Amino acid sequence: GYAAPLIVVALAALVLKEAVRAYRWTAVGIGFAGVLIMLSPHLAAEASRRTTEAAALTGALFALLGAFCSAGATIQVRRLTLTERTGAIVFYFSLLTTALGLSTIVLGWTLPSPPDFALLVLIGVLGGIGQILLTQSYRYADASIIAPFEYTTMIWALLFGWFVFGEMPTAAVLAGAAIVAGAGLFVLWRERRLGLVRRKEVETASQRPAGG
């Protein structure tokens, strides 16, 4: 699933015609490596529990398909921000995903208990806020710039697991989190440097004589 940012960067270049520089590809690749390091203990444990290679392959293919769908949605949201308001994009996005979610009722339905229902509502509220913030971010930056920050969800999972559930992070998790954070900080630093260069070029151009 965390292959989605890599796909987003590729689609941003192909579909949105963004100028994807080498450092963005590098940041996404390094972030993906950090996620793999964090997940390595779980991947090893999962491999030992697999009963058949066919089932594992099917799961991997569905996960990869999900990553492609997620990346495609990201690209379309980026395009919609050029013509639509953030509220409209999030509203129709939520409406469509709700309808698709309800369509799975034919597969079985379990009425949630009041505590579970409250948690589901909380998830919906937090997810909605996150979607609003994410959609708004595409108004100010290219999709290929925002993509590496998807990996920071692993860092938040680490922090919540640590402070809420008392799950002590392993050395691999800490190392992977540091790599992911480093990739995100590198993107911020590089974009800031490029922004300063562009600003200087604009100021220099504005100071030139009209006939120069």
Protein backbone atom coordinates (compact mmCIF):
# COMPACT_ATOMS: atom_id res chain seq x y z
CA GLY A 1 0.00 0.00 0.00
CA TYR A 2 2.86 2.38 0.69
CA ALA A 3 3.85 2.10 -2.96
CA ALA A 4 1.15 4.72 -3.64
CA PRO A 5 3.46 7.76 -3.20
CA LEU A 6 5.86 6.28 -5.76
CA ILE A 7 2.95 5.88 -8.19
CA VAL A 8 1.74 9.41 -7.43
CA VAL A 9 5.12 10.86 -8.41
CA ALA A 10 5.11 8.90 -11.67
CA LEU A 11 1.51 9.92 -12.51
CA ALA A 12 2.26 13.53 -11.58
CA ALA A 13 4.91 13.57 -14.28
CA LEU A 14 2.82 11.72 -16.87
CA VAL A 15 -0.69 13.09 -16.24
CA LEU A 16 -0.19 16.46 -14.55
CA LYS A 17 3.00 17.24 -16.49
CA GLU A 18 4.75 18.29 -13.28
CA ALA A 19 8.49 18.81 -13.45
CA VAL A 20 9.55 15.99 -11.12
CA ARG A 21 13.16 16.55 -10.19
CA ALA A 22 15.60 13.88 -9.10
CA TYR A 23 15.49 14.91 -5.44
CA ARG A 24 11.72 14.23 -5.28
CA TRP A 25 12.23 10.72 -6.66
CA THR A 26 15.05 10.25 -4.18
CA ALA A 27 12.93 11.42 -1.24
CA VAL A 28 10.06 9.08 -2.16
CA GLY A 29 12.43 6.15 -2.64
CA ILE A 30 14.18 6.77 0.69
CA GLY A 31 10.82 7.16 2.45
CA PHE A 32 9.63 3.86 1.01
CA ALA A 33 12.82 2.18 2.22
CA GLY A 34 12.20 3.57 5.70
CA VAL A 35 8.69 2.14 5.73
CA LEU A 36 10.01 -1.27 4.67
CA ILE A 37 12.52 -1.17 7.53
CA MET A 38 9.73 -0.39 10.02
CA LEU A 39 7.54 -3.15 8.62
CA SER A 40 10.30 -5.74 8.28
CA PRO A 41 9.55 -7.56 11.59
CA HIS A 42 5.85 -7.78 10.72
CA LEU A 43 6.56 -8.91 7.17
CA ALA A 44 8.77 -11.71 8.47
CA ALA A 45 6.09 -12.78 10.93
CA GLU A 46 3.43 -12.64 8.26
CA ALA A 47 5.54 -14.75 5.91
CA SER A 48 5.83 -17.47 8.55
CA ARG A 49 2.02 -17.58 8.93
CA ARG A 50 1.20 -17.90 5.25
CA THR A 51 -0.29 -21.22 4.29
CA THR A 52 0.00 -20.98 0.50
CA GLU A 53 1.97 -18.80 -1.87
CA ALA A 54 -1.14 -18.32 -4.02
CA ALA A 55 -3.03 -16.65 -1.18
CA ALA A 56 -0.07 -14.40 -0.43
CA LEU A 57 0.21 -13.42 -4.10
CA THR A 58 -3.51 -12.62 -4.27
CA GLY A 59 -3.23 -10.40 -1.21
CA ALA A 60 -0.20 -8.59 -2.63
CA LEU A 61 -1.97 -8.00 -5.96
CA PHE A 62 -5.03 -6.53 -4.23
CA ALA A 63 -2.80 -4.29 -2.11
CA LEU A 64 -0.96 -3.10 -5.22
CA LEU A 65 -4.28 -2.45 -6.98
CA GLY A 66 -5.37 -0.43 -3.96
CA ALA A 67 -2.16 1.61 -4.16
CA PHE A 68 -2.83 2.39 -7.83
CA CYS A 69 -6.42 3.45 -7.03
CA SER A 70 -5.21 5.65 -4.17
CA ALA A 71 -2.61 7.28 -6.41
CA GLY A 72 -5.20 7.84 -9.13
CA ALA A 73 -7.53 9.52 -6.62
CA THR A 74 -4.70 11.78 -5.47
CA ILE A 75 -3.99 12.91 -9.03
CA GLN A 76 -7.66 13.63 -9.69
CA VAL A 77 -7.98 15.64 -6.47
CA ARG A 78 -4.97 17.69 -7.55
CA ARG A 79 -6.69 18.41 -10.88
CA LEU A 80 -10.00 19.29 -9.22
CA THR A 81 -8.36 21.89 -6.97
CA LEU A 82 -7.80 23.98 -10.09
CA THR A 83 -11.55 24.39 -10.67
CA GLU A 84 -13.44 23.32 -7.53
CA ARG A 85 -13.61 24.40 -3.91
CA THR A 86 -12.14 22.22 -1.19
CA GLY A 87 -15.52 21.72 0.50
CA ALA A 88 -17.15 20.48 -2.71
CA ILE A 89 -14.31 18.05 -3.44
CA VAL A 90 -14.38 16.56 0.07
CA PHE A 91 -18.19 16.40 0.17
CA TYR A 92 -18.58 14.45 -3.07
CA PHE A 93 -15.54 12.32 -2.28
CA SER A 94 -17.09 11.35 1.07
CA LEU A 95 -20.51 10.82 -0.51
CA LEU A 96 -19.15 8.46 -3.15
CA THR A 97 -16.99 6.46 -0.74
CA THR A 98 -19.97 6.13 1.63
CA ALA A 99 -22.10 4.72 -1.18
CA LEU A 100 -19.35 2.30 -2.17
CA GLY A 101 -18.92 1.27 1.46
CA LEU A 102 -22.66 0.62 1.85
CA SER A 103 -22.60 -1.59 -1.24
CA THR A 104 -20.60 -4.15 0.74
CA ILE A 105 -23.58 -4.72 3.04
CA VAL A 106 -24.49 -7.72 0.86
CA LEU A 107 -21.36 -9.44 2.17
CA GLY A 108 -22.66 -9.33 5.73
CA TRP A 109 -23.56 -6.79 8.41
CA THR A 110 -22.76 -6.65 12.11
CA LEU A 111 -24.41 -3.98 14.21
CA PRO A 112 -21.64 -2.18 16.15
CA SER A 113 -21.90 -1.77 19.91
CA PRO A 114 -22.30 1.80 21.28
CA PRO A 115 -18.56 2.12 22.13
CA ASP A 116 -17.58 0.80 18.70
CA PHE A 117 -20.10 3.12 17.04
CA ALA A 118 -18.62 6.09 18.91
CA LEU A 119 -15.13 5.11 17.75
CA LEU A 120 -16.38 4.80 14.16
CA VAL A 121 -17.84 8.31 14.38
CA LEU A 122 -14.53 9.59 15.74
CA ILE A 123 -12.69 7.90 12.88
CA GLY A 124 -15.07 9.54 10.42
CA VAL A 125 -14.57 13.00 11.91
CA LEU A 126 -10.78 12.70 12.02
CA GLY A 127 -10.70 11.21 8.53
CA GLY A 128 -12.86 14.04 7.22
CA ILE A 129 -10.61 16.68 8.76
CA GLY A 130 -7.57 14.92 7.33
CA GLN A 131 -9.16 14.81 3.88
CA ILE A 132 -9.92 18.54 4.03
CA LEU A 133 -6.35 19.37 5.00
CA LEU A 134 -4.91 17.04 2.36
CA THR A 135 -7.14 18.46 -0.38
CA GLN A 136 -6.23 22.01 0.61
CA SER A 137 -2.53 21.16 0.48
CA TYR A 138 -2.78 20.39 -3.24
CA ARG A 139 -3.67 24.04 -3.87
CA TYR A 140 -0.24 25.14 -2.72
CA ALA A 141 2.14 22.37 -3.80
CA ASP A 142 2.64 19.80 -6.53
CA ALA A 143 1.42 16.26 -5.94
CA SER A 144 4.98 15.01 -6.31
CA ILE A 145 6.05 17.24 -3.39
CA ILE A 146 3.24 16.12 -1.08
CA ALA A 147 3.60 12.41 -1.89
CA PRO A 148 6.59 11.67 0.40
CA PHE A 149 4.68 12.95 3.44
CA GLU A 150 2.31 9.98 3.13
CA TYR A 151 5.04 7.98 4.85
CA THR A 152 4.76 10.09 8.00
CA THR A 153 1.59 8.13 8.85
CA MET A 154 3.94 5.40 10.03
CA ILE A 155 5.53 7.85 12.47
CA TRP A 156 2.11 8.84 13.84
CA ALA A 157 1.24 5.15 14.21
CA LEU A 158 4.50 4.70 16.13
CA LEU A 159 3.69 7.60 18.48
CA PHE A 160 0.09 6.54 19.12
CA GLY A 161 1.15 2.95 19.67
CA TRP A 162 3.78 4.11 22.14
CA PHE A 163 1.77 6.60 24.18
CA VAL A 164 -1.75 5.14 23.88
CA PHE A 165 -1.18 1.39 23.81
CA GLY A 166 2.20 1.17 25.51
CA GLU A 167 3.85 -0.54 22.53
CA MET A 168 7.56 0.07 22.82
CA PRO A 169 9.18 0.71 19.42
CA THR A 170 11.95 -1.60 18.29
CA ALA A 171 15.29 -0.49 16.92
CA ALA A 172 14.07 -1.21 13.36
CA VAL A 173 10.98 0.96 13.87
CA LEU A 174 13.03 3.85 15.27
CA ALA A 175 15.54 3.59 12.44
CA GLY A 176 12.81 3.50 9.82
CA ALA A 177 10.99 6.44 11.42
CA ALA A 178 14.20 8.48 11.37
CA ILE A 179 14.67 7.72 7.68
CA VAL A 180 11.08 8.68 6.86
CA ALA A 181 11.34 11.91 8.84
CA GLY A 182 14.64 12.69 7.15
CA ALA A 183 13.11 12.23 3.70
CA GLY A 184 10.27 14.62 4.53
CA LEU A 185 12.63 17.22 6.00
CA PHE A 186 14.83 16.95 2.93
CA VAL A 187 11.87 17.79 0.69
CA LEU A 188 10.99 20.79 2.85
CA TRP A 189 14.60 22.02 2.88
CA ARG A 190 15.03 21.57 -0.85
CA GLU A 191 11.75 23.29 -1.73
CA ARG A 192 12.64 26.19 0.56
CA ARG A 193 16.01 26.55 -1.16
CA LEU A 194 14.38 26.49 -4.60
CA GLY A 195 11.80 29.01 -3.40
CA LEU A 196 14.55 31.39 -2.29
CA VAL A 197 16.30 31.02 -5.65
CA ARG A 198 13.08 31.73 -7.57
CA ARG A 199 12.34 34.77 -5.38
CA LYS A 200 15.81 36.12 -5.99
CA GLU A 201 15.43 35.65 -9.73
CA VAL A 202 12.09 37.49 -9.68
CA GLU A 203 13.57 40.36 -7.65
CA THR A 204 16.55 40.59 -10.00
CA ALA A 205 14.29 40.66 -13.03
CA SER A 206 12.09 43.38 -11.51
CA GLN A 207 15.13 45.57 -10.79
CA ARG A 208 16.36 45.54 -14.37
CA PRO A 209 15.81 48.69 -16.45
CA ALA A 210 12.82 48.56 -18.76
CA GLY A 211 15.01 48.57 -21.85
CA GLY A 212 17.71 46.31 -20.45
